[in-house]
Structures are given as structure tokens and as C-alpha cells.
């Protein structure tokens, strides 16, 4: 009996020890550093991607601004060339003869057309208010055709031009004095095909 009690008493401490909970594992400093490093690495990559995207956006914007600046510069340089190409020429009363100042203007136009072989023009003939509608339509047409013939003789293919007469229907000046009438005896020019890209001599 005493031996049995002693055995029971000896087992009690063992049972109590088995019932005790094992302490939770304490994270080691090394594990914390690894997790922090992973988070920091992800943030650094995201920052790097954002910086690369921003740099690419700025480069694209700078390139677009450069292209636009070049376009404005080119248009500015060609503005006087365009004005010379479309500058009006004038005629004497009841005449389709080209002479003097009109010839100088047509030579300048021919040089521009030669430098820009894709360009096509419409030549529009006009007359002053005197005379009948029919007569002035015919006179305006003769003036337009005279311009085309002159440019053709100067070496520009006549097929690059179309002609049209407005007669006295579109006066440039509504006045009735000789100065106003003289401004209405004219030929005007409109670009109807191609593109003006080069000034005479190759300048842009």
C-alpha cells in the first residue's frame, strides 16, 4: 500500500509538467529584417517605375514641343513666300497684256513653283465695272489665260494651272474713280493642290 501511494505521488509532478504550455516562438531579429527588406524593395521598385514613367513623359513632351516649334518656324519662314505666290497682278484698261511690275511678280511666282513642283494654282481673272457682264467675263478669262501662257513660256508646266473668270462680279474696290477701277483689273492666285514646303534656292 505504501509502495502504491509512493508511485502515485511520483507521477503527479510528471503529469503537471506535461500539462504546461510550451512558450510561443519568439520571432528572431533576422526574420523581422527580411520582411522589412521585402517591403522596402517593393517600394523602391515602384518608385523607380514612377520615375522612369515621368522621365519618358517629359521626353515625349519635349520632343512634341520641339516639333511644334520647328513647324511654327517653318511656317513663319514660308509666310512671305506664300504671299509672293498669291500676290495679285494688275492690268491696264481693257487689256490682257502682261508687262512691267506684273512680269516681276510672275517671275517670283515661277521661281517658287519651280522649287515646289507639287504645287498647283488657280488663276482668277477680274475686270472693272465698265462694260457688259458678258464682255467682262470674257476679258477676265483672257487675263487668266495670259498669265498661264506667260508662266508656261517661263518654264512652268501649264497643266499645273486652272483658270477662272469672275468678270466684274467680285470687285476688290467698290469705288468708281480711276484708282478703284484700276484695282479691279486684276488676276488673283489660289493654291489648289500640293504643299508649299521650300523657298526658292532650297531655303525652308
N, C-alpha and C. Protein backbone atom coordinates (compact mmCIF):
# COMPACT_ATOMS: atom_id res chain seq x y z
N UNK A 1 0.83 -1.20 0.00
CA UNK A 1 0.00 0.00 0.00
C UNK A 1 0.85 1.23 0.00
N UNK A 2 1.87 1.24 0.76
CA UNK A 2 2.76 2.38 0.81
C UNK A 2 3.50 2.54 -0.51
N UNK A 3 3.85 1.42 -1.12
CA UNK A 3 4.55 1.48 -2.41
C UNK A 3 3.64 2.09 -3.48
N UNK A 4 2.33 1.72 -3.44
CA UNK A 4 1.39 2.25 -4.44
C UNK A 4 1.24 3.75 -4.26
N UNK A 5 1.10 4.24 -3.04
CA UNK A 5 0.97 5.68 -2.78
C UNK A 5 2.21 6.43 -3.23
N UNK A 6 3.36 5.80 -3.00
CA UNK A 6 4.61 6.46 -3.40
C UNK A 6 4.69 6.58 -4.90
N UNK A 7 4.23 5.56 -5.60
CA UNK A 7 4.28 5.59 -7.07
C UNK A 7 3.35 6.67 -7.61
N UNK A 8 2.14 6.77 -6.99
CA UNK A 8 1.17 7.80 -7.44
C UNK A 8 1.74 9.17 -7.20
N UNK A 9 2.34 9.35 -6.04
CA UNK A 9 2.90 10.67 -5.73
C UNK A 9 4.04 11.01 -6.68
N UNK A 10 4.78 10.04 -7.12
CA UNK A 10 5.91 10.29 -8.03
C UNK A 10 5.41 10.69 -9.41
N UNK A 11 4.24 10.19 -9.81
CA UNK A 11 3.72 10.51 -11.15
C UNK A 11 3.09 11.90 -11.24
N UNK A 12 2.68 12.45 -10.11
CA UNK A 12 1.99 13.76 -10.11
C UNK A 12 2.85 14.85 -10.72
N UNK A 13 4.12 15.01 -10.33
CA UNK A 13 4.92 16.09 -10.95
C UNK A 13 5.09 15.90 -12.45
N UNK A 14 5.20 14.63 -12.90
CA UNK A 14 5.36 14.39 -14.33
C UNK A 14 4.12 14.83 -15.10
N UNK A 15 2.94 14.52 -14.53
CA UNK A 15 1.69 14.91 -15.19
C UNK A 15 1.55 16.41 -15.23
N UNK A 16 1.90 17.06 -14.19
CA UNK A 16 1.79 18.52 -14.15
C UNK A 16 2.72 19.16 -15.17
N UNK A 17 3.91 18.58 -15.35
CA UNK A 17 4.85 19.12 -16.33
C UNK A 17 4.34 18.96 -17.75
N UNK A 18 3.67 17.83 -18.00
CA UNK A 18 3.14 17.59 -19.36
C UNK A 18 2.03 18.56 -19.69
N UNK A 19 1.27 19.01 -18.69
CA UNK A 19 0.15 19.92 -18.94
C UNK A 19 0.59 21.35 -19.20
N UNK A 20 1.80 21.67 -18.85
CA UNK A 20 2.26 23.05 -19.07
C UNK A 20 2.35 23.36 -20.57
N UNK A 21 1.94 24.57 -21.01
CA UNK A 21 2.04 25.00 -22.41
C UNK A 21 3.46 25.39 -22.76
N UNK A 22 3.79 24.99 -23.97
CA UNK A 22 5.10 25.43 -24.45
C UNK A 22 5.05 26.92 -24.79
N UNK A 23 6.07 27.64 -24.47
CA UNK A 23 6.06 29.09 -24.78
C UNK A 23 6.05 29.31 -26.29
N UNK A 24 5.33 30.36 -26.72
CA UNK A 24 5.26 30.69 -28.17
C UNK A 24 6.63 31.07 -28.66
N UNK A 25 6.86 30.69 -29.91
CA UNK A 25 8.16 31.01 -30.52
C UNK A 25 8.28 32.51 -30.69
N UNK A 26 9.38 33.03 -30.27
CA UNK A 26 9.64 34.47 -30.39
C UNK A 26 10.33 34.73 -31.72
N UNK A 27 9.75 35.60 -32.54
CA UNK A 27 10.39 35.89 -33.84
C UNK A 27 11.81 36.37 -33.63
N UNK A 28 12.65 35.86 -34.47
CA UNK A 28 14.04 36.26 -34.37
C UNK A 28 14.25 37.57 -35.09
N UNK A 29 15.23 38.36 -34.66
CA UNK A 29 15.51 39.62 -35.35
C UNK A 29 15.77 39.42 -36.83
N UNK A 30 16.32 38.30 -37.22
CA UNK A 30 16.60 38.05 -38.63
C UNK A 30 15.34 37.99 -39.46
N UNK A 31 14.26 37.40 -38.99
CA UNK A 31 13.00 37.33 -39.71
C UNK A 31 12.39 38.70 -39.90
N UNK A 32 12.44 39.54 -38.87
CA UNK A 32 11.91 40.91 -38.98
C UNK A 32 12.64 41.68 -40.08
N UNK A 33 13.92 41.57 -40.11
CA UNK A 33 14.71 42.30 -41.12
C UNK A 33 14.38 41.84 -42.52
N UNK A 34 14.13 40.54 -42.70
CA UNK A 34 13.81 40.02 -44.03
C UNK A 34 12.49 40.59 -44.52
N UNK A 35 11.46 40.62 -43.62
CA UNK A 35 10.16 41.16 -44.02
C UNK A 35 10.27 42.64 -44.35
N UNK A 36 11.00 43.37 -43.52
CA UNK A 36 11.17 44.80 -43.77
C UNK A 36 11.91 45.04 -45.08
N UNK A 37 12.89 44.18 -45.34
CA UNK A 37 13.66 44.32 -46.59
C UNK A 37 12.79 44.09 -47.80
N UNK A 38 11.89 43.10 -47.73
CA UNK A 38 10.99 42.82 -48.85
C UNK A 38 10.08 44.00 -49.13
N UNK A 39 9.51 44.60 -48.07
CA UNK A 39 8.63 45.76 -48.22
C UNK A 39 9.39 46.95 -48.81
N UNK A 40 10.58 47.17 -48.28
CA UNK A 40 11.39 48.30 -48.79
C UNK A 40 11.76 48.09 -50.24
N UNK A 41 12.07 46.85 -50.63
CA UNK A 41 12.42 46.56 -52.01
C UNK A 41 11.27 46.83 -52.96
N UNK A 42 10.05 46.44 -52.55
CA UNK A 42 8.88 46.67 -53.38
C UNK A 42 8.63 48.16 -53.57
N UNK A 43 8.78 48.92 -52.49
CA UNK A 43 8.59 50.37 -52.58
C UNK A 43 9.61 51.02 -53.49
N UNK A 44 10.87 50.56 -53.40
CA UNK A 44 11.93 51.12 -54.25
C UNK A 44 11.66 50.85 -55.72
N UNK A 45 11.18 49.63 -56.02
CA UNK A 45 10.87 49.30 -57.42
C UNK A 45 9.73 50.16 -57.93
N UNK A 46 8.71 50.36 -57.11
CA UNK A 46 7.58 51.19 -57.52
C UNK A 46 8.03 52.63 -57.79
N UNK A 47 8.90 53.15 -56.90
CA UNK A 47 9.43 54.49 -57.10
C UNK A 47 10.23 54.58 -58.38
N UNK A 48 11.02 53.55 -58.64
CA UNK A 48 11.84 53.54 -59.86
C UNK A 48 10.97 53.54 -61.11
N UNK A 49 9.88 52.76 -61.09
CA UNK A 49 8.96 52.71 -62.23
C UNK A 49 8.30 54.06 -62.44
N UNK A 50 7.87 54.69 -61.33
CA UNK A 50 7.24 56.01 -61.45
C UNK A 50 8.21 57.04 -62.02
N UNK A 51 9.45 57.00 -61.57
CA UNK A 51 10.45 57.95 -62.06
C UNK A 51 10.73 57.73 -63.54
N UNK A 52 10.79 56.45 -63.96
CA UNK A 52 11.03 56.15 -65.38
C UNK A 52 9.87 56.63 -66.24
N UNK A 53 8.64 56.41 -65.75
CA UNK A 53 7.46 56.86 -66.50
C UNK A 53 7.45 58.38 -66.63
N UNK A 54 7.79 59.06 -65.55
CA UNK A 54 7.80 60.52 -65.57
C UNK A 54 8.87 61.04 -66.52
N UNK A 55 10.02 60.40 -66.51
CA UNK A 55 11.10 60.81 -67.41
C UNK A 55 10.69 60.60 -68.87
N UNK A 56 10.03 59.49 -69.15
CA UNK A 56 9.56 59.21 -70.51
C UNK A 56 8.52 60.22 -70.94
N UNK A 57 7.63 60.59 -70.03
CA UNK A 57 6.60 61.58 -70.34
C UNK A 57 7.22 62.94 -70.65
N UNK A 58 8.21 63.31 -69.87
CA UNK A 58 8.88 64.59 -70.10
C UNK A 58 9.64 64.61 -71.41
N UNK A 59 10.28 63.48 -71.75
CA UNK A 59 10.99 63.40 -73.04
C UNK A 59 10.00 63.53 -74.20
N UNK A 60 8.86 62.82 -74.10
CA UNK A 60 7.85 62.89 -75.17
C UNK A 60 7.30 64.31 -75.31
N UNK A 61 7.08 64.98 -74.17
CA UNK A 61 6.58 66.35 -74.20
C UNK A 61 7.60 67.30 -74.83
N UNK A 62 8.87 67.11 -74.47
CA UNK A 62 9.92 67.95 -75.04
C UNK A 62 10.05 67.75 -76.54
N UNK A 63 9.94 66.49 -76.97
CA UNK A 63 10.02 66.20 -78.41
C UNK A 63 8.84 66.82 -79.15
N UNK A 64 7.65 66.75 -78.56
CA UNK A 64 6.47 67.34 -79.20
C UNK A 64 6.60 68.85 -79.29
N UNK A 65 7.12 69.47 -78.23
CA UNK A 65 7.32 70.91 -78.24
C UNK A 65 8.35 71.32 -79.29
N UNK A 66 9.39 70.51 -79.46
CA UNK A 66 10.40 70.79 -80.47
C UNK A 66 9.80 70.70 -81.87
N UNK A 67 8.99 69.66 -82.11
CA UNK A 67 8.33 69.50 -83.41
C UNK A 67 7.42 70.69 -83.70
N UNK A 68 6.66 71.11 -82.70
CA UNK A 68 5.76 72.25 -82.88
C UNK A 68 6.53 73.54 -83.14
N UNK A 69 7.63 73.72 -82.44
CA UNK A 69 8.45 74.91 -82.64
C UNK A 69 9.04 74.93 -84.05
N UNK A 70 9.49 73.77 -84.52
CA UNK A 70 10.02 73.69 -85.89
C UNK A 70 8.93 73.99 -86.92
N UNK A 71 7.71 73.50 -86.66
CA UNK A 71 6.60 73.78 -87.58
C UNK A 71 6.30 75.27 -87.63
N UNK A 72 6.25 75.91 -86.46
CA UNK A 72 5.98 77.35 -86.43
C UNK A 72 7.08 78.14 -87.13
N UNK A 73 8.32 77.71 -86.91
CA UNK A 73 9.44 78.38 -87.53
C UNK A 73 9.39 78.23 -89.04
N UNK A 74 9.05 77.02 -89.51
CA UNK A 74 8.96 76.77 -90.95
C UNK A 74 7.84 77.60 -91.57
N UNK A 75 6.69 77.65 -90.91
CA UNK A 75 5.57 78.42 -91.43
C UNK A 75 5.90 79.90 -91.46
N UNK A 76 6.60 80.36 -90.42
CA UNK A 76 6.98 81.77 -90.38
C UNK A 76 7.94 82.11 -91.52
N UNK A 77 8.88 81.20 -91.80
CA UNK A 77 9.84 81.44 -92.87
C UNK A 77 9.17 81.41 -94.24
N UNK A 78 8.11 80.59 -94.38
CA UNK A 78 7.44 80.45 -95.67
C UNK A 78 6.33 81.46 -95.88
N UNK A 79 5.96 82.19 -94.84
CA UNK A 79 4.85 83.16 -94.97
C UNK A 79 5.09 84.17 -96.09
N UNK A 80 6.27 84.80 -96.16
CA UNK A 80 6.48 85.75 -97.26
C UNK A 80 6.51 85.08 -98.63
N UNK A 81 6.93 83.82 -98.67
CA UNK A 81 6.93 83.08 -99.94
C UNK A 81 5.50 82.84 -100.39
N UNK A 82 4.64 82.46 -99.46
CA UNK A 82 3.23 82.25 -99.78
C UNK A 82 2.59 83.55 -100.27
N UNK A 83 2.93 84.66 -99.61
CA UNK A 83 2.38 85.95 -100.02
C UNK A 83 2.82 86.30 -101.44
N UNK A 84 4.09 86.04 -101.76
CA UNK A 84 4.57 86.32 -103.12
C UNK A 84 3.88 85.45 -104.14
N UNK A 85 3.61 84.20 -103.77
CA UNK A 85 2.97 83.26 -104.70
C UNK A 85 1.54 83.68 -105.01
N UNK A 86 0.85 84.23 -104.04
CA UNK A 86 -0.56 84.59 -104.23
C UNK A 86 -0.78 86.09 -104.45
N UNK A 87 0.29 86.82 -104.63
CA UNK A 87 0.16 88.27 -104.81
C UNK A 87 -0.57 88.60 -106.12
N UNK A 88 -1.46 89.57 -106.05
CA UNK A 88 -2.27 89.98 -107.19
C UNK A 88 -1.41 90.72 -108.22
N UNK A 89 -1.74 90.52 -109.49
CA UNK A 89 -1.15 91.36 -110.55
C UNK A 89 -2.27 92.15 -111.21
N UNK A 90 -1.91 93.30 -111.80
CA UNK A 90 -2.92 94.22 -112.35
C UNK A 90 -2.70 94.44 -113.85
N UNK A 91 -3.78 94.88 -114.51
CA UNK A 91 -3.77 95.09 -115.96
C UNK A 91 -4.20 96.52 -116.29
N UNK A 92 -3.84 96.94 -117.48
CA UNK A 92 -4.32 98.21 -117.99
C UNK A 92 -5.79 98.06 -118.43
N UNK A 93 -6.43 99.19 -118.66
CA UNK A 93 -7.84 99.19 -119.06
C UNK A 93 -8.05 98.40 -120.35
N UNK A 94 -9.02 97.50 -120.33
CA UNK A 94 -9.43 96.71 -121.50
C UNK A 94 -8.24 95.98 -122.13
N UNK A 95 -7.33 95.45 -121.30
CA UNK A 95 -6.13 94.80 -121.82
C UNK A 95 -5.84 93.52 -121.04
N UNK A 96 -5.26 92.56 -121.74
CA UNK A 96 -4.77 91.35 -121.08
C UNK A 96 -3.25 91.24 -121.21
N UNK A 97 -2.61 92.34 -121.56
CA UNK A 97 -1.16 92.34 -121.73
C UNK A 97 -0.46 92.37 -120.38
N UNK A 98 0.57 91.54 -120.25
CA UNK A 98 1.36 91.47 -119.01
C UNK A 98 2.65 92.24 -119.22
N UNK A 99 2.94 93.18 -118.36
CA UNK A 99 4.17 93.96 -118.52
C UNK A 99 4.56 94.59 -117.18
N UNK A 100 5.76 95.13 -117.17
CA UNK A 100 6.24 95.89 -116.03
C UNK A 100 6.23 95.13 -114.72
N UNK A 101 5.54 95.72 -113.75
CA UNK A 101 5.51 95.17 -112.39
C UNK A 101 4.88 93.78 -112.37
N UNK A 102 3.89 93.54 -113.24
CA UNK A 102 3.25 92.22 -113.28
C UNK A 102 4.25 91.15 -113.69
N UNK A 103 5.14 91.45 -114.62
CA UNK A 103 6.15 90.47 -115.03
C UNK A 103 7.08 90.13 -113.89
N UNK A 104 7.50 91.12 -113.13
CA UNK A 104 8.39 90.88 -111.99
C UNK A 104 7.72 89.96 -110.97
N UNK A 105 6.44 90.19 -110.72
CA UNK A 105 5.71 89.34 -109.77
C UNK A 105 5.58 87.91 -110.30
N UNK A 106 5.34 87.76 -111.59
CA UNK A 106 5.19 86.43 -112.16
C UNK A 106 6.52 85.67 -112.16
N UNK A 107 7.63 86.38 -112.36
CA UNK A 107 8.93 85.70 -112.27
C UNK A 107 9.17 85.16 -110.87
N UNK A 108 8.79 85.93 -109.86
CA UNK A 108 8.92 85.46 -108.47
C UNK A 108 8.04 84.23 -108.23
N UNK A 109 6.82 84.25 -108.78
CA UNK A 109 5.93 83.10 -108.64
C UNK A 109 6.52 81.87 -109.33
N UNK A 110 7.10 82.07 -110.52
CA UNK A 110 7.69 80.95 -111.26
C UNK A 110 8.82 80.31 -110.47
N UNK A 111 9.64 81.13 -109.82
CA UNK A 111 10.74 80.58 -109.01
C UNK A 111 10.20 79.73 -107.86
N UNK A 112 9.13 80.19 -107.24
CA UNK A 112 8.53 79.43 -106.13
C UNK A 112 7.93 78.12 -106.65
N UNK A 113 7.25 78.19 -107.77
CA UNK A 113 6.64 76.99 -108.35
C UNK A 113 7.70 75.98 -108.77
N UNK A 114 8.80 76.47 -109.28
CA UNK A 114 9.89 75.57 -109.69
C UNK A 114 10.47 74.85 -108.47
N UNK A 115 10.55 75.54 -107.34
CA UNK A 115 11.09 74.94 -106.12
C UNK A 115 10.09 74.01 -105.43
N UNK A 116 8.82 74.11 -105.82
CA UNK A 116 7.76 73.30 -105.21
C UNK A 116 6.94 72.65 -106.32
N UNK A 117 7.47 71.59 -106.93
CA UNK A 117 6.83 71.03 -108.12
C UNK A 117 5.47 70.40 -107.90
N UNK A 118 5.06 70.18 -106.66
CA UNK A 118 3.73 69.60 -106.42
C UNK A 118 2.63 70.66 -106.40
N UNK A 119 3.01 71.93 -106.33
CA UNK A 119 2.01 72.99 -106.21
C UNK A 119 1.21 73.16 -107.49
N UNK A 120 -0.09 73.42 -107.31
CA UNK A 120 -0.96 73.76 -108.43
C UNK A 120 -1.74 75.01 -108.05
N UNK A 121 -1.95 75.89 -109.03
CA UNK A 121 -2.62 77.16 -108.78
C UNK A 121 -3.88 77.30 -109.63
N UNK A 122 -4.82 78.07 -109.09
CA UNK A 122 -5.95 78.54 -109.88
C UNK A 122 -5.73 80.03 -110.14
N UNK A 123 -5.82 80.42 -111.39
CA UNK A 123 -5.65 81.82 -111.78
C UNK A 123 -7.03 82.39 -112.05
N UNK A 124 -7.37 83.46 -111.32
CA UNK A 124 -8.71 84.04 -111.41
C UNK A 124 -8.64 85.42 -112.05
N UNK A 125 -9.31 85.57 -113.20
CA UNK A 125 -9.31 86.85 -113.90
C UNK A 125 -10.48 87.73 -113.50
N UNK A 126 -10.21 89.05 -113.37
CA UNK A 126 -11.24 90.02 -112.96
C UNK A 126 -11.18 91.24 -113.87
N UNK A 127 -12.29 91.97 -113.89
CA UNK A 127 -12.38 93.20 -114.69
C UNK A 127 -13.02 94.30 -113.84
N UNK A 128 -12.91 95.55 -114.32
CA UNK A 128 -13.59 96.61 -113.59
C UNK A 128 -15.07 96.65 -113.98
N UNK A 129 -15.81 97.60 -113.43
CA UNK A 129 -17.27 97.59 -113.55
C UNK A 129 -17.79 98.09 -114.90
N UNK A 130 -16.92 98.65 -115.73
CA UNK A 130 -17.38 99.18 -117.01
C UNK A 130 -17.60 98.06 -118.02
N UNK A 131 -18.60 98.20 -118.84
CA UNK A 131 -18.88 97.20 -119.86
C UNK A 131 -19.90 96.18 -119.39
N UNK A 132 -20.33 95.33 -120.32
CA UNK A 132 -21.36 94.35 -120.01
C UNK A 132 -20.78 93.18 -119.22
N UNK A 133 -21.68 92.43 -118.61
CA UNK A 133 -21.27 91.25 -117.86
C UNK A 133 -20.56 90.25 -118.76
N UNK A 134 -21.13 90.01 -119.95
CA UNK A 134 -20.55 89.04 -120.87
C UNK A 134 -19.16 89.46 -121.32
N UNK A 135 -19.04 90.73 -121.66
CA UNK A 135 -17.73 91.20 -122.14
C UNK A 135 -16.67 91.06 -121.05
N UNK A 136 -17.01 91.42 -119.84
CA UNK A 136 -16.04 91.37 -118.75
C UNK A 136 -15.70 89.96 -118.33
N UNK A 137 -16.64 89.03 -118.46
CA UNK A 137 -16.32 87.63 -118.20
C UNK A 137 -15.28 87.13 -119.21
N UNK A 138 -15.48 87.51 -120.47
CA UNK A 138 -14.51 87.12 -121.50
C UNK A 138 -13.16 87.79 -121.26
N UNK A 139 -13.18 89.05 -120.86
CA UNK A 139 -11.93 89.76 -120.60
C UNK A 139 -11.19 89.15 -119.40
N UNK A 140 -11.92 88.81 -118.35
CA UNK A 140 -11.31 88.17 -117.19
C UNK A 140 -10.69 86.84 -117.57
N UNK A 141 -11.35 86.09 -118.44
CA UNK A 141 -10.81 84.80 -118.88
C UNK A 141 -9.54 85.00 -119.69
N UNK A 142 -9.52 86.02 -120.58
CA UNK A 142 -8.32 86.30 -121.37
C UNK A 142 -7.14 86.65 -120.46
N UNK A 143 -7.41 87.40 -119.43
CA UNK A 143 -6.35 87.78 -118.50
C UNK A 143 -5.81 86.55 -117.77
N UNK A 144 -6.68 85.67 -117.31
CA UNK A 144 -6.23 84.46 -116.63
C UNK A 144 -5.42 83.58 -117.58
N UNK A 145 -5.88 83.45 -118.81
CA UNK A 145 -5.17 82.63 -119.79
C UNK A 145 -3.82 83.25 -120.16
N UNK A 146 -3.76 84.58 -120.19
CA UNK A 146 -2.50 85.25 -120.50
C UNK A 146 -1.46 84.96 -119.41
N UNK A 147 -1.91 84.93 -118.18
CA UNK A 147 -0.99 84.62 -117.08
C UNK A 147 -0.49 83.18 -117.20
N UNK A 148 -1.38 82.26 -117.47
CA UNK A 148 -0.97 80.86 -117.61
C UNK A 148 0.02 80.71 -118.76
N UNK A 149 -0.24 81.35 -119.87
CA UNK A 149 0.67 81.27 -121.01
C UNK A 149 2.03 81.87 -120.67
N UNK A 150 2.04 82.98 -119.94
CA UNK A 150 3.31 83.61 -119.57
C UNK A 150 4.13 82.66 -118.69
N UNK A 151 3.50 82.06 -117.70
CA UNK A 151 4.22 81.14 -116.81
C UNK A 151 4.68 79.90 -117.58
N UNK A 152 3.87 79.43 -118.52
CA UNK A 152 4.28 78.30 -119.34
C UNK A 152 5.51 78.63 -120.17
N UNK A 153 5.54 79.82 -120.73
CA UNK A 153 6.69 80.24 -121.52
C UNK A 153 7.93 80.42 -120.64
N UNK A 154 7.72 80.65 -119.36
CA UNK A 154 8.83 80.83 -118.42
C UNK A 154 9.33 79.49 -117.87
N UNK A 155 8.76 78.39 -118.35
CA UNK A 155 9.26 77.07 -117.98
C UNK A 155 8.43 76.30 -116.98
N UNK A 156 7.24 76.82 -116.62
CA UNK A 156 6.38 76.11 -115.68
C UNK A 156 5.28 75.42 -116.47
N UNK A 157 5.10 74.12 -116.24
CA UNK A 157 4.12 73.33 -116.98
C UNK A 157 2.73 73.95 -116.83
N UNK A 158 2.12 74.28 -117.95
CA UNK A 158 0.82 74.95 -117.94
C UNK A 158 -0.27 74.07 -117.34
N UNK A 159 -0.05 72.75 -117.30
CA UNK A 159 -1.05 71.85 -116.72
C UNK A 159 -1.18 72.01 -115.21
N UNK A 160 -0.27 72.74 -114.61
CA UNK A 160 -0.33 72.98 -113.17
C UNK A 160 -1.28 74.12 -112.81
N UNK A 161 -1.91 74.70 -113.83
CA UNK A 161 -2.80 75.84 -113.60
C UNK A 161 -4.19 75.57 -114.15
N UNK A 162 -5.18 76.04 -113.40
CA UNK A 162 -6.53 76.13 -113.93
C UNK A 162 -6.89 77.61 -113.98
N UNK A 163 -7.83 77.97 -114.84
CA UNK A 163 -8.22 79.38 -114.97
C UNK A 163 -9.71 79.53 -114.73
N UNK A 164 -10.07 80.71 -114.26
CA UNK A 164 -11.46 81.01 -113.95
C UNK A 164 -11.67 82.52 -114.09
N UNK A 165 -12.80 82.92 -114.65
CA UNK A 165 -13.10 84.35 -114.77
C UNK A 165 -14.29 84.71 -113.89
N UNK A 166 -14.14 85.79 -113.14
CA UNK A 166 -15.26 86.35 -112.39
C UNK A 166 -15.78 87.64 -113.04
N UNK A 167 -15.14 88.07 -114.12
CA UNK A 167 -15.58 89.30 -114.77
C UNK A 167 -15.57 90.46 -113.80
N UNK A 168 -16.70 91.17 -113.76
CA UNK A 168 -16.80 92.33 -112.86
C UNK A 168 -17.60 92.00 -111.59
N UNK A 169 -17.85 90.73 -111.35
CA UNK A 169 -18.75 90.32 -110.27
C UNK A 169 -18.12 90.42 -108.88
N UNK A 170 -16.80 90.46 -108.78
CA UNK A 170 -16.15 90.50 -107.46
C UNK A 170 -15.14 91.65 -107.40
N UNK A 171 -15.61 92.87 -107.36
CA UNK A 171 -14.68 94.00 -107.32
C UNK A 171 -13.87 94.01 -106.03
N UNK A 172 -12.59 94.33 -106.17
CA UNK A 172 -11.73 94.46 -105.00
C UNK A 172 -12.00 95.79 -104.31
N UNK A 173 -12.40 96.78 -105.09
CA UNK A 173 -12.68 98.12 -104.59
C UNK A 173 -14.03 98.56 -105.16
N UNK A 174 -14.95 98.96 -104.30
CA UNK A 174 -16.29 99.36 -104.74
C UNK A 174 -16.35 100.79 -105.26
N UNK A 175 -15.25 101.52 -105.20
CA UNK A 175 -15.23 102.90 -105.64
C UNK A 175 -15.44 103.03 -107.15
N UNK A 176 -15.71 104.26 -107.59
CA UNK A 176 -15.98 104.50 -109.01
C UNK A 176 -14.89 105.34 -109.67
N UNK A 177 -13.89 105.79 -108.91
CA UNK A 177 -12.84 106.60 -109.52
C UNK A 177 -11.81 105.70 -110.20
N UNK A 178 -10.88 106.33 -110.91
CA UNK A 178 -9.92 105.55 -111.69
C UNK A 178 -9.04 104.67 -110.81
N UNK A 179 -8.69 105.13 -109.63
CA UNK A 179 -7.86 104.33 -108.73
C UNK A 179 -8.58 103.03 -108.34
N UNK A 180 -9.87 103.13 -108.03
CA UNK A 180 -10.65 101.95 -107.66
C UNK A 180 -10.81 101.02 -108.85
N UNK A 181 -11.09 101.59 -110.02
CA UNK A 181 -11.26 100.77 -111.22
C UNK A 181 -9.97 100.01 -111.56
N UNK A 182 -8.83 100.67 -111.39
CA UNK A 182 -7.54 100.05 -111.69
C UNK A 182 -7.28 98.85 -110.78
N UNK A 183 -7.73 98.93 -109.53
CA UNK A 183 -7.52 97.81 -108.59
C UNK A 183 -8.37 96.60 -108.95
N UNK A 184 -9.43 96.82 -109.70
CA UNK A 184 -10.32 95.72 -110.07
C UNK A 184 -9.89 95.02 -111.36
N UNK A 185 -8.98 95.61 -112.12
CA UNK A 185 -8.47 94.97 -113.34
C UNK A 185 -7.27 94.10 -112.93
N UNK A 186 -7.54 92.84 -112.63
CA UNK A 186 -6.50 92.08 -111.93
C UNK A 186 -6.61 90.58 -112.21
N UNK A 187 -5.58 89.86 -111.77
CA UNK A 187 -5.61 88.40 -111.70
C UNK A 187 -5.19 88.01 -110.29
N UNK A 188 -5.94 87.11 -109.69
CA UNK A 188 -5.64 86.60 -108.35
C UNK A 188 -5.22 85.14 -108.46
N UNK A 189 -4.58 84.63 -107.39
CA UNK A 189 -4.00 83.29 -107.41
C UNK A 189 -4.39 82.55 -106.14
N UNK A 190 -4.77 81.29 -106.30
CA UNK A 190 -5.14 80.45 -105.15
C UNK A 190 -4.43 79.10 -105.28
N UNK A 191 -3.87 78.61 -104.18
CA UNK A 191 -3.24 77.30 -104.16
C UNK A 191 -4.35 76.25 -104.09
N UNK A 192 -4.38 75.36 -105.08
CA UNK A 192 -5.46 74.35 -105.13
C UNK A 192 -4.92 72.92 -105.06
N UNK A 193 -3.60 72.76 -104.98
CA UNK A 193 -3.03 71.43 -104.89
C UNK A 193 -1.59 71.48 -104.43
N UNK A 194 -1.13 70.38 -103.86
CA UNK A 194 0.26 70.32 -103.39
C UNK A 194 0.45 71.11 -102.11
N UNK A 195 1.71 71.25 -101.74
CA UNK A 195 2.03 71.93 -100.48
C UNK A 195 3.28 72.75 -100.64
N UNK A 196 3.23 73.95 -100.09
CA UNK A 196 4.39 74.84 -100.12
C UNK A 196 5.35 74.42 -99.01
N UNK A 197 6.52 73.91 -99.38
CA UNK A 197 7.47 73.43 -98.37
C UNK A 197 8.84 74.06 -98.49
N UNK A 198 9.16 74.65 -99.64
CA UNK A 198 10.52 75.12 -99.88
C UNK A 198 10.52 76.50 -100.52
N UNK A 199 11.37 77.37 -100.04
CA UNK A 199 11.54 78.67 -100.66
C UNK A 199 12.51 78.53 -101.83
N UNK A 200 12.45 79.44 -102.80
CA UNK A 200 13.41 79.38 -103.91
C UNK A 200 14.83 79.35 -103.38
N UNK A 201 15.67 78.52 -103.99
CA UNK A 201 17.05 78.38 -103.52
C UNK A 201 17.20 77.27 -102.48
N UNK A 202 16.10 76.60 -102.11
CA UNK A 202 16.18 75.49 -101.18
C UNK A 202 15.94 75.85 -99.74
N UNK A 203 15.76 77.14 -99.41
CA UNK A 203 15.51 77.53 -98.02
C UNK A 203 14.15 77.08 -97.56
N UNK A 204 14.06 76.88 -96.23
CA UNK A 204 12.78 76.44 -95.66
C UNK A 204 12.31 77.44 -94.60
